[in-house]
Amino acid sequence: MRIDLHTHSTASDGTDTPAELVRKAAAAGLDVIALTDHDTTRGHAEALAALPEGLTLVPGAELSCRLDGISMHLLAYLFDPEEPALLAERELVRDDRVPRAQGMIAKLNALGVPVTWEQVARIAGDGSVGRPHVASALVELGVVPTVNDAFTQEWLADGGRAYMEKHETDPFEALRLVKGAGGVAVFAHPAASKRGRTVPDSAIAELAEAGLDGIEVDHMDHEPGTRARLRGLAKDLGLLVTGSSDYHGSRKTCVLGEFMTDPEVYGEITRRATGAFPVPGAGGV
């Protein structure tokens, strides 16, 4: 089985609609794909309606968290999307994205960059606006050559000149909410240092004690040595190891299935979940 447990659509900051995403996943030869848009499940219905036969969809979301001033993300799988407490927290995080983006635009304007809210809103479309949309605006304006080049201290990286904080959930609270909704939680790209500061291994150990299920080891932002270290840490802490593309369509260079999750790990994730279940495709529309 070929399993990719971290992808994004236009419901957040990807460039493929949910329907396009699942069709491309099937064409790429994947057997299982998780749709994990940022702080939203809005793309699930469209993905399910278009799900090709032979492809299974794992409903999920990537939750924005912050620990001791460090931004981090939790991949939540197979939770009940209507569970009130987790739904309320996702909406709180999502609603803070607009004023945050507007604040970044104001900082960029002060730095002499003529980006506008109208431009960023056009790029975001119906998705939850985020830094990648602002980064895409910088690419359009010729300020940086690629989206990744916008995520530096000069521009939008954590603590960068145009960075703005947003409401982010304490990860221990996020774990409690995901578990309360019957879901499974995996720490996304925990050592992606190019994005900014990362949490120490001691914090991952504390999260493991609090119920964290796994860590995303095989990821484009982890060098081979980092992946080996994280694999050892996961073994020491009894955590599941996942691998994923973190696919964003044309917004990033990664491709579907670039990294994948072992079928036994996927099976354990599905066994632990009680809030929702993977959905096999029936041919789509």
C-alpha atoms as a PDB file:
ATOM      1  CA  MET A   1       0.000   0.000   0.000  1.00  0.00           C
ATOM      2  CA  ARG A   2       1.148   3.546  -0.808  1.00  0.00           C
ATOM      3  CA  ILE A   3      -0.020   5.870   1.968  1.00  0.00           C
ATOM      4  CA  ASP A   4       0.407   9.678   2.170  1.00  0.00           C
ATOM      5  CA  LEU A   5      -0.970  11.140   5.394  1.00  0.00           C
ATOM      6  CA  HIS A   6      -0.390  14.900   4.982  1.00  0.00           C
ATOM      7  CA  THR A   7      -1.851  16.929   2.098  1.00  0.00           C
ATOM      8  CA  HIS A   8      -3.523  20.307   1.578  1.00  0.00           C
ATOM      9  CA  SER A   9      -6.189  21.643  -0.772  1.00  0.00           C
ATOM     10  CA  THR A  10      -7.692  25.015  -1.588  1.00  0.00           C
ATOM     11  CA  ALA A  11      -9.700  24.673   1.644  1.00  0.00           C
ATOM     12  CA  SER A  12      -6.530  26.032   3.259  1.00  0.00           C
ATOM     13  CA  ASP A  13      -3.295  26.844   1.413  1.00  0.00           C
ATOM     14  CA  GLY A  14      -3.028  24.227  -1.336  1.00  0.00           C
ATOM     15  CA  THR A  15      -3.582  25.015  -5.001  1.00  0.00           C
ATOM     16  CA  ASP A  16      -5.649  21.927  -5.933  1.00  0.00           C
ATOM     17  CA  THR A  17      -9.322  21.730  -5.063  1.00  0.00           C
ATOM     18  CA  PRO A  18     -10.205  18.761  -2.859  1.00  0.00           C
ATOM     19  CA  ALA A  19     -11.649  16.986  -5.908  1.00  0.00           C
ATOM     20  CA  GLU A  20      -8.521  17.642  -7.968  1.00  0.00           C
ATOM     21  CA  LEU A  21      -6.357  16.469  -5.082  1.00  0.00           C
ATOM     22  CA  VAL A  22      -7.958  13.040  -4.754  1.00  0.00           C
ATOM     23  CA  ARG A  23      -7.944  12.520  -8.513  1.00  0.00           C
ATOM     24  CA  LYS A  24      -4.231  13.369  -8.666  1.00  0.00           C
ATOM     25  CA  ALA A  25      -3.572  11.055  -5.725  1.00  0.00           C
ATOM     26  CA  ALA A  26      -5.233   8.170  -7.557  1.00  0.00           C
ATOM     27  CA  ALA A  27      -3.326   8.996 -10.739  1.00  0.00           C
ATOM     28  CA  ALA A  28      -0.082   8.990  -8.717  1.00  0.00           C
ATOM     29  CA  GLY A  29      -0.799   5.432  -7.645  1.00  0.00           C
ATOM     30  CA  LEU A  30      -1.618   6.142  -4.015  1.00  0.00           C
ATOM     31  CA  ASP A  31      -3.887   3.802  -2.084  1.00  0.00           C
ATOM     32  CA  VAL A  32      -4.560   6.058   0.928  1.00  0.00           C
ATOM     33  CA  ILE A  33      -4.464   9.831   1.304  1.00  0.00           C
ATOM     34  CA  ALA A  34      -5.201  12.062   4.288  1.00  0.00           C
ATOM     35  CA  LEU A  35      -6.656  15.515   3.683  1.00  0.00           C
ATOM     36  CA  THR A  36      -5.213  17.679   6.459  1.00  0.00           C
ATOM     37  CA  ASP A  37      -5.992  21.304   5.700  1.00  0.00           C
ATOM     38  CA  HIS A  38      -5.003  23.907   8.271  1.00  0.00           C
ATOM     39  CA  ASP A  39      -7.550  24.134  11.101  1.00  0.00           C
ATOM     40  CA  THR A  40     -10.466  23.177   8.861  1.00  0.00           C
ATOM     41  CA  THR A  41     -12.385  20.174   7.558  1.00  0.00           C
ATOM     42  CA  ARG A  42     -14.199  22.227   4.947  1.00  0.00           C
ATOM     43  CA  GLY A  43     -12.700  20.298   2.026  1.00  0.00           C
ATOM     44  CA  HIS A  44     -13.729  16.843   3.191  1.00  0.00           C
ATOM     45  CA  ALA A  45     -17.178  16.729   1.601  1.00  0.00           C
ATOM     46  CA  GLU A  46     -15.884  17.662  -1.851  1.00  0.00           C
ATOM     47  CA  ALA A  47     -13.025  15.178  -1.597  1.00  0.00           C
ATOM     48  CA  LEU A  48     -15.395  12.386  -0.579  1.00  0.00           C
ATOM     49  CA  ALA A  49     -17.803  13.172  -3.400  1.00  0.00           C
ATOM     50  CA  ALA A  50     -14.987  12.911  -5.960  1.00  0.00           C
ATOM     51  CA  LEU A  51     -13.087  10.025  -4.353  1.00  0.00           C
ATOM     52  CA  PRO A  52     -12.003   7.596  -7.079  1.00  0.00           C
ATOM     53  CA  GLU A  53     -12.456   3.867  -6.686  1.00  0.00           C
ATOM     54  CA  GLY A  54      -9.331   2.288  -5.231  1.00  0.00           C
ATOM     55  CA  LEU A  55      -8.347   5.344  -3.164  1.00  0.00           C
ATOM     56  CA  THR A  56      -9.192   5.632   0.553  1.00  0.00           C
ATOM     57  CA  LEU A  57      -9.561   9.036   2.223  1.00  0.00           C
ATOM     58  CA  VAL A  58      -8.473   9.643   5.820  1.00  0.00           C
ATOM     59  CA  PRO A  59     -10.293  12.774   7.076  1.00  0.00           C
ATOM     60  CA  GLY A  60      -8.029  15.008   9.138  1.00  0.00           C
ATOM     61  CA  ALA A  61      -6.741  18.502   9.843  1.00  0.00           C
ATOM     62  CA  GLU A  62      -3.438  20.184  10.682  1.00  0.00           C
ATOM     63  CA  LEU A  63      -3.887  22.113  13.913  1.00  0.00           C
ATOM     64  CA  SER A  64      -1.909  25.293  14.638  1.00  0.00           C
ATOM     65  CA  CYS A  65      -0.263  25.126  18.069  1.00  0.00           C
ATOM     66  CA  ARG A  66       2.336  27.057  20.055  1.00  0.00           C
ATOM     67  CA  LEU A  67       4.540  25.849  22.904  1.00  0.00           C
ATOM     68  CA  ASP A  68       6.773  28.244  24.842  1.00  0.00           C
ATOM     69  CA  GLY A  69       6.663  30.716  21.969  1.00  0.00           C
ATOM     70  CA  ILE A  70       7.494  28.101  19.321  1.00  0.00           C
ATOM     71  CA  SER A  71       4.995  27.414  16.539  1.00  0.00           C
ATOM     72  CA  MET A  72       4.230  23.744  15.920  1.00  0.00           C
ATOM     73  CA  HIS A  73       1.578  21.729  14.110  1.00  0.00           C
ATOM     74  CA  LEU A  74      -0.405  18.653  15.106  1.00  0.00           C
ATOM     75  CA  LEU A  75      -1.870  16.373  12.470  1.00  0.00           C
ATOM     76  CA  ALA A  76      -5.233  15.183  13.771  1.00  0.00           C
ATOM     77  CA  TYR A  77      -6.726  12.121  12.095  1.00  0.00           C
ATOM     78  CA  LEU A  78     -10.153  10.493  12.186  1.00  0.00           C
ATOM     79  CA  PHE A  79     -11.742  12.749  14.812  1.00  0.00           C
ATOM     80  CA  ASP A  80     -15.425  13.654  14.974  1.00  0.00           C
ATOM     81  CA  PRO A  81     -15.541  16.940  13.002  1.00  0.00           C
ATOM     82  CA  GLU A  82     -18.703  18.041  14.810  1.00  0.00           C
ATOM     83  CA  GLU A  83     -17.407  17.508  18.359  1.00  0.00           C
ATOM     84  CA  PRO A  84     -18.199  20.927  19.902  1.00  0.00           C
ATOM     85  CA  ALA A  85     -15.009  21.682  21.857  1.00  0.00           C
ATOM     86  CA  LEU A  86     -12.574  20.873  19.047  1.00  0.00           C
ATOM     87  CA  LEU A  87     -14.802  22.573  16.480  1.00  0.00           C
ATOM     88  CA  ALA A  88     -14.908  25.766  18.564  1.00  0.00           C
ATOM     89  CA  GLU A  89     -11.118  25.822  18.914  1.00  0.00           C
ATOM     90  CA  ARG A  90     -10.575  25.279  15.175  1.00  0.00           C
ATOM     91  CA  GLU A  91     -12.941  28.150  14.410  1.00  0.00           C
ATOM     92  CA  LEU A  92     -11.124  30.408  16.887  1.00  0.00           C
ATOM     93  CA  VAL A  93      -7.777  29.702  15.218  1.00  0.00           C
ATOM     94  CA  ARG A  94      -9.213  30.076  11.722  1.00  0.00           C
ATOM     95  CA  ASP A  95     -10.997  33.356  12.485  1.00  0.00           C
ATOM     96  CA  ASP A  96      -7.729  34.919  13.666  1.00  0.00           C
ATOM     97  CA  ARG A  97      -6.071  34.258  10.316  1.00  0.00           C
ATOM     98  CA  VAL A  98      -7.581  37.313   8.570  1.00  0.00           C
ATOM     99  CA  PRO A  99      -6.390  39.987  11.027  1.00  0.00           C
ATOM    100  CA  ARG A 100      -3.044  38.228  11.187  1.00  0.00           C
ATOM    101  CA  ALA A 101      -2.629  38.339   7.395  1.00  0.00           C
ATOM    102  CA  GLN A 102      -3.681  41.983   7.365  1.00  0.00           C
ATOM    103  CA  GLY A 103      -1.050  42.699  10.025  1.00  0.00           C
ATOM    104  CA  MET A 104       1.643  41.054   7.917  1.00  0.00           C
ATOM    105  CA  ILE A 105       0.550  43.107   4.934  1.00  0.00           C
ATOM    106  CA  ALA A 106       0.862  46.284   6.997  1.00  0.00           C
ATOM    107  CA  LYS A 107       4.393  45.304   8.026  1.00  0.00           C
ATOM    108  CA  LEU A 108       5.317  44.542   4.430  1.00  0.00           C
ATOM    109  CA  ASN A 109       3.931  47.900   3.314  1.00  0.00           C
ATOM    110  CA  ALA A 110       6.094  49.582   5.960  1.00  0.00           C
ATOM    111  CA  LEU A 111       9.072  47.763   4.438  1.00  0.00           C
ATOM    112  CA  GLY A 112       8.204  49.186   1.023  1.00  0.00           C
ATOM    113  CA  VAL A 113       6.487  46.108  -0.435  1.00  0.00           C
ATOM    114  CA  PRO A 114       3.259  47.142  -2.240  1.00  0.00           C
ATOM    115  CA  VAL A 115       1.266  43.996  -1.357  1.00  0.00           C
ATOM    116  CA  THR A 116      -2.459  44.532  -0.732  1.00  0.00           C
ATOM    117  CA  TRP A 117      -5.171  42.655   1.140  1.00  0.00           C
ATOM    118  CA  GLU A 118      -7.120  42.382  -2.110  1.00  0.00           C
ATOM    119  CA  GLN A 119      -4.182  40.569  -3.731  1.00  0.00           C
ATOM    120  CA  VAL A 120      -3.767  38.127  -0.834  1.00  0.00           C
ATOM    121  CA  ALA A 121      -7.524  37.511  -0.592  1.00  0.00           C
ATOM    122  CA  ARG A 122      -7.634  36.736  -4.321  1.00  0.00           C
ATOM    123  CA  ILE A 123      -4.813  34.215  -3.945  1.00  0.00           C
ATOM    124  CA  ALA A 124      -6.452  32.592  -0.899  1.00  0.00           C
ATOM    125  CA  GLY A 125      -9.859  32.345  -2.584  1.00  0.00           C
ATOM    126  CA  ASP A 126     -12.168  30.324  -0.345  1.00  0.00           C
ATOM    127  CA  GLY A 127      -9.272  28.872   1.637  1.00  0.00           C
ATOM    128  CA  SER A 128      -8.214  29.730   5.174  1.00  0.00           C
ATOM    129  CA  VAL A 129      -5.776  32.581   4.562  1.00  0.00           C
ATOM    130  CA  GLY A 130      -2.241  31.969   5.773  1.00  0.00           C
ATOM    131  CA  ARG A 131       1.410  32.845   5.306  1.00  0.00           C
ATOM    132  CA  PRO A 132       1.740  30.825   2.067  1.00  0.00           C
ATOM    133  CA  HIS A 133      -0.850  33.104   0.463  1.00  0.00           C
ATOM    134  CA  VAL A 134       1.122  36.184   1.534  1.00  0.00           C
ATOM    135  CA  ALA A 135       4.273  34.463   0.281  1.00  0.00           C
ATOM    136  CA  SER A 136       2.608  33.826  -3.081  1.00  0.00           C
ATOM    137  CA  ALA A 137       1.815  37.541  -3.287  1.00  0.00           C
ATOM    138  CA  LEU A 138       5.510  38.289  -2.750  1.00  0.00           C
ATOM    139  CA  VAL A 139       6.333  35.921  -5.604  1.00  0.00           C
ATOM    140  CA  GLU A 140       3.802  37.679  -7.856  1.00  0.00           C
ATOM    141  CA  LEU A 141       5.412  41.014  -7.031  1.00  0.00           C
ATOM    142  CA  GLY A 142       8.890  39.691  -7.787  1.00  0.00           C
ATOM    143  CA  VAL A 143      10.102  40.255  -4.235  1.00  0.00           C
ATOM    144  CA  VAL A 144      11.187  36.606  -3.865  1.00  0.00           C
ATOM    145  CA  PRO A 145      11.580  33.893  -6.521  1.00  0.00           C
ATOM    146  CA  THR A 146       9.649  31.136  -4.709  1.00  0.00           C
ATOM    147  CA  VAL A 147       7.241  30.695  -1.821  1.00  0.00           C
ATOM    148  CA  ASN A 148       9.947  28.971   0.222  1.00  0.00           C
ATOM    149  CA  ASP A 149      12.197  32.015  -0.206  1.00  0.00           C
ATOM    150  CA  ALA A 150       9.587  34.121   1.606  1.00  0.00           C
ATOM    151  CA  PHE A 151       9.952  31.999   4.742  1.00  0.00           C
ATOM    152  CA  THR A 152      13.149  33.655   5.975  1.00  0.00           C
ATOM    153  CA  GLN A 153      13.951  36.102   8.756  1.00  0.00           C
ATOM    154  CA  GLU A 154      13.947  38.820   6.122  1.00  0.00           C
ATOM    155  CA  TRP A 155      10.269  38.211   5.447  1.00  0.00           C
ATOM    156  CA  LEU A 156       7.736  35.748   6.910  1.00  0.00           C
ATOM    157  CA  ALA A 157       9.581  33.148   9.002  1.00  0.00           C
ATOM    158  CA  ASP A 158       8.800  32.997  12.716  1.00  0.00           C
ATOM    159  CA  GLY A 159      10.242  36.189  14.177  1.00  0.00           C
ATOM    160  CA  GLY A 160      10.895  37.633  10.713  1.00  0.00           C
ATOM    161  CA  ARG A 161      10.482  41.295   9.799  1.00  0.00           C
ATOM    162  CA  ALA A 162       6.917  40.834   8.544  1.00  0.00           C
ATOM    163  CA  TYR A 163       5.885  38.006  10.875  1.00  0.00           C
ATOM    164  CA  MET A 164       2.720  38.299  12.940  1.00  0.00           C
ATOM    165  CA  GLU A 165       1.541  35.873  15.580  1.00  0.00           C
ATOM    166  CA  LYS A 166      -1.964  34.426  15.500  1.00  0.00           C
ATOM    167  CA  HIS A 167      -4.052  32.529  17.990  1.00  0.00           C
ATOM    168  CA  GLU A 168      -2.542  29.060  18.297  1.00  0.00           C
ATOM    169  CA  THR A 169      -3.622  26.284  20.625  1.00  0.00           C
ATOM    170  CA  ASP A 170      -1.482  24.976  23.450  1.00  0.00           C
ATOM    171  CA  PRO A 171      -0.462  21.516  22.148  1.00  0.00           C
ATOM    172  CA  PHE A 172      -1.399  19.782  25.390  1.00  0.00           C
ATOM    173  CA  GLU A 173      -4.877  21.289  25.106  1.00  0.00           C
ATOM    174  CA  ALA A 174      -4.978  20.331  21.425  1.00  0.00           C
ATOM    175  CA  LEU A 175      -4.137  16.742  22.360  1.00  0.00           C
ATOM    176  CA  ARG A 176      -6.932  16.721  24.922  1.00  0.00           C
ATOM    177  CA  LEU A 177      -9.391  18.060  22.351  1.00  0.00           C
ATOM    178  CA  VAL A 178      -8.346  15.622  19.613  1.00  0.00           C
ATOM    179  CA  LYS A 179      -8.579  12.682  21.989  1.00  0.00           C
ATOM    180  CA  GLY A 180     -11.935  13.929  23.247  1.00  0.00           C
ATOM    181  CA  ALA A 181     -13.162  13.891  19.648  1.00  0.00           C
ATOM    182  CA  GLY A 182     -11.960  10.314  19.132  1.00  0.00           C
ATOM    183  CA  GLY A 183      -8.962  11.264  17.012  1.00  0.00           C
ATOM    184  CA  VAL A 184      -5.298  10.350  16.677  1.00  0.00           C
ATOM    185  CA  ALA A 185      -2.561  13.008  16.951  1.00  0.00           C
ATOM    186  CA  VAL A 186       0.813  13.108  15.162  1.00  0.00           C
ATOM    187  CA  PHE A 187       3.393  15.895  15.545  1.00  0.00           C
ATOM    188  CA  ALA A 188       3.962  17.299  12.036  1.00  0.00           C
ATOM    189  CA  HIS A 189       7.553  17.903  10.804  1.00  0.00           C
ATOM    190  CA  PRO A 190       8.892  18.336  14.375  1.00  0.00           C
ATOM    191  CA  ALA A 191      12.468  19.171  13.310  1.00  0.00           C
ATOM    192  CA  ALA A 192      11.766  21.458  10.344  1.00  0.00           C
ATOM    193  CA  SER A 193      14.303  24.038  11.494  1.00  0.00           C
ATOM    194  CA  LYS A 194      14.197  25.954   8.200  1.00  0.00           C
ATOM    195  CA  ARG A 195      10.738  27.159   9.249  1.00  0.00           C
ATOM    196  CA  GLY A 196      11.991  28.628  12.538  1.00  0.00           C
ATOM    197  CA  ARG A 197      12.663  27.385  16.036  1.00  0.00           C
ATOM    198  CA  THR A 198      11.661  23.807  16.858  1.00  0.00           C
ATOM    199  CA  VAL A 199      10.619  22.323  20.186  1.00  0.00           C
ATOM    200  CA  PRO A 200      13.226  20.283  22.089  1.00  0.00           C
ATOM    201  CA  ASP A 201      13.099  16.510  22.372  1.00  0.00           C
ATOM    202  CA  SER A 202      12.172  16.903  26.043  1.00  0.00           C
ATOM    203  CA  ALA A 203       8.933  18.602  24.991  1.00  0.00           C
ATOM    204  CA  ILE A 204       8.160  15.757  22.575  1.00  0.00           C
ATOM    205  CA  ALA A 205       8.660  13.357  25.494  1.00  0.00           C
ATOM    206  CA  GLU A 206       6.185  15.354  27.581  1.00  0.00           C
ATOM    207  CA  LEU A 207       3.687  15.336  24.717  1.00  0.00           C
ATOM    208  CA  ALA A 208       4.125  11.575  24.406  1.00  0.00           C
ATOM    209  CA  GLU A 209       3.269  11.205  28.088  1.00  0.00           C
ATOM    210  CA  ALA A 210       0.187  13.370  27.487  1.00  0.00           C
ATOM    211  CA  GLY A 211      -1.114  11.097  24.727  1.00  0.00           C
ATOM    212  CA  LEU A 212       0.702  12.036  21.505  1.00  0.00           C
ATOM    213  CA  ASP A 213       0.411   9.072  19.140  1.00  0.00           C
ATOM    214  CA  GLY A 214       3.264   9.687  16.739  1.00  0.00           C
ATOM    215  CA  ILE A 215       5.713  11.973  14.972  1.00  0.00           C
ATOM    216  CA  GLU A 216       6.054  12.705  11.269  1.00  0.00           C
ATOM    217  CA  VAL A 217       9.620  11.575  10.592  1.00  0.00           C
ATOM    218  CA  ASP A 218       9.855  11.178   6.819  1.00  0.00           C
ATOM    219  CA  HIS A 219       9.233  14.689   5.486  1.00  0.00           C
ATOM    220  CA  MET A 220      10.878  16.921   2.903  1.00  0.00           C
ATOM    221  CA  ASP A 221      12.074  19.357   5.594  1.00  0.00           C
ATOM    222  CA  HIS A 222      14.017  16.640   7.455  1.00  0.00           C
ATOM    223  CA  GLU A 223      17.515  15.719   6.304  1.00  0.00           C
ATOM    224  CA  PRO A 224      18.478  12.006   6.395  1.00  0.00           C
ATOM    225  CA  GLY A 225      20.400  12.417   9.657  1.00  0.00           C
ATOM    226  CA  THR A 226      17.450  14.195  11.237  1.00  0.00           C
ATOM    227  CA  ARG A 227      15.102  11.431  10.148  1.00  0.00           C
ATOM    228  CA  ALA A 228      17.371   8.822  11.717  1.00  0.00           C
ATOM    229  CA  ARG A 229      17.505  10.758  14.996  1.00  0.00           C
ATOM    230  CA  LEU A 230      13.729  11.209  15.090  1.00  0.00           C
ATOM    231  CA  ARG A 231      13.194   7.528  14.330  1.00  0.00           C
ATOM    232  CA  GLY A 232      15.318   6.669  17.342  1.00  0.00           C
ATOM    233  CA  LEU A 233      13.455   9.155  19.505  1.00  0.00           C
ATOM    234  CA  ALA A 234      10.122   7.688  18.430  1.00  0.00           C
ATOM    235  CA  LYS A 235      11.318   4.209  19.358  1.00  0.00           C
ATOM    236  CA  ASP A 236      12.472   5.400  22.786  1.00  0.00           C
ATOM    237  CA  LEU A 237       9.129   7.115  23.445  1.00  0.00           C
ATOM    238  CA  GLY A 238       6.897   4.424  21.972  1.00  0.00           C
ATOM    239  CA  LEU A 239       5.569   6.733  19.265  1.00  0.00           C
ATOM    240  CA  LEU A 240       4.335   5.819  15.811  1.00  0.00           C
ATOM    241  CA  VAL A 241       6.457   6.978  12.850  1.00  0.00           C
ATOM    242  CA  THR A 242       4.705   8.453   9.834  1.00  0.00           C
ATOM    243  CA  GLY A 243       5.879   9.737   6.466  1.00  0.00           C
ATOM    244  CA  SER A 244       4.062  12.215   4.255  1.00  0.00           C
ATOM    245  CA  SER A 245       4.493  14.595   1.347  1.00  0.00           C
ATOM    246  CA  ASP A 246       2.926  17.721   2.911  1.00  0.00           C
ATOM    247  CA  TYR A 247       1.647  18.315  -0.620  1.00  0.00           C
ATOM    248  CA  HIS A 248       0.408  21.841  -1.426  1.00  0.00           C
ATOM    249  CA  GLY A 249      -0.025  21.578  -5.197  1.00  0.00           C
ATOM    250  CA  SER A 250       2.054  24.070  -7.150  1.00  0.00           C
ATOM    251  CA  ARG A 251       2.705  26.217  -4.067  1.00  0.00           C
ATOM    252  CA  LYS A 252       5.532  23.913  -2.939  1.00  0.00           C
ATOM    253  CA  THR A 253       7.977  21.629  -4.731  1.00  0.00           C
ATOM    254  CA  CYS A 254       6.965  18.389  -2.966  1.00  0.00           C
ATOM    255  CA  VAL A 255       4.985  15.780  -4.896  1.00  0.00           C
ATOM    256  CA  LEU A 256       2.280  13.377  -3.795  1.00  0.00           C
ATOM    257  CA  GLY A 257       3.754  10.231  -2.298  1.00  0.00           C
ATOM    258  CA  GLU A 258       7.242  11.755  -1.958  1.00  0.00           C
ATOM    259  CA  PHE A 259       7.313  10.252   1.542  1.00  0.00           C
ATOM    260  CA  MET A 260       4.876   7.636   2.790  1.00  0.00           C
ATOM    261  CA  THR A 261       3.654   5.851   5.907  1.00  0.00           C
ATOM    262  CA  ASP A 262       4.161   2.157   6.606  1.00  0.00           C
ATOM    263  CA  PRO A 263       0.905   0.180   6.226  1.00  0.00           C
ATOM    264  CA  GLU A 264       1.277  -1.281   9.741  1.00  0.00           C
ATOM    265  CA  VAL A 265       1.474   2.220  11.217  1.00  0.00           C
ATOM    266  CA  TYR A 266      -1.565   3.259   9.201  1.00  0.00           C
ATOM    267  CA  GLY A 267      -3.402   0.228  10.517  1.00  0.00           C
ATOM    268  CA  GLU A 268      -2.557   1.199  14.094  1.00  0.00           C
ATOM    269  CA  ILE A 269      -3.807   4.751  13.512  1.00  0.00           C
ATOM    270  CA  THR A 270      -7.135   3.430  12.266  1.00  0.00           C
ATOM    271  CA  ARG A 271      -7.379   1.023  15.218  1.00  0.00           C
ATOM    272  CA  ARG A 272      -6.850   3.831  17.732  1.00  0.00           C
ATOM    273  CA  ALA A 273      -9.424   6.189  16.205  1.00  0.00           C
ATOM    274  CA  THR A 274     -13.036   6.227  17.358  1.00  0.00           C
ATOM    275  CA  GLY A 275     -14.293   9.567  16.026  1.00  0.00           C
ATOM    276  CA  ALA A 276     -14.382   8.752  12.317  1.00  0.00           C
ATOM    277  CA  PHE A 277     -13.215   6.103   9.884  1.00  0.00           C
ATOM    278  CA  PRO A 278     -11.291   5.985   6.595  1.00  0.00           C
ATOM    279  CA  VAL A 279     -13.599   6.137   3.593  1.00  0.00           C
ATOM    280  CA  PRO A 280     -12.924   3.928   0.553  1.00  0.00           C
ATOM    281  CA  GLY A 281     -13.633   5.495  -2.822  1.00  0.00           C
ATOM    282  CA  ALA A 282     -16.688   4.437  -4.788  1.00  0.00           C
ATOM    283  CA  GLY A 283     -15.845   6.017  -8.119  1.00  0.00           C
ATOM    284  CA  GLY A 284     -16.465   9.701  -7.374  1.00  0.00           C
ATOM    285  CA  VAL A 285     -18.390  12.120  -9.532  1.00  0.00           C
END
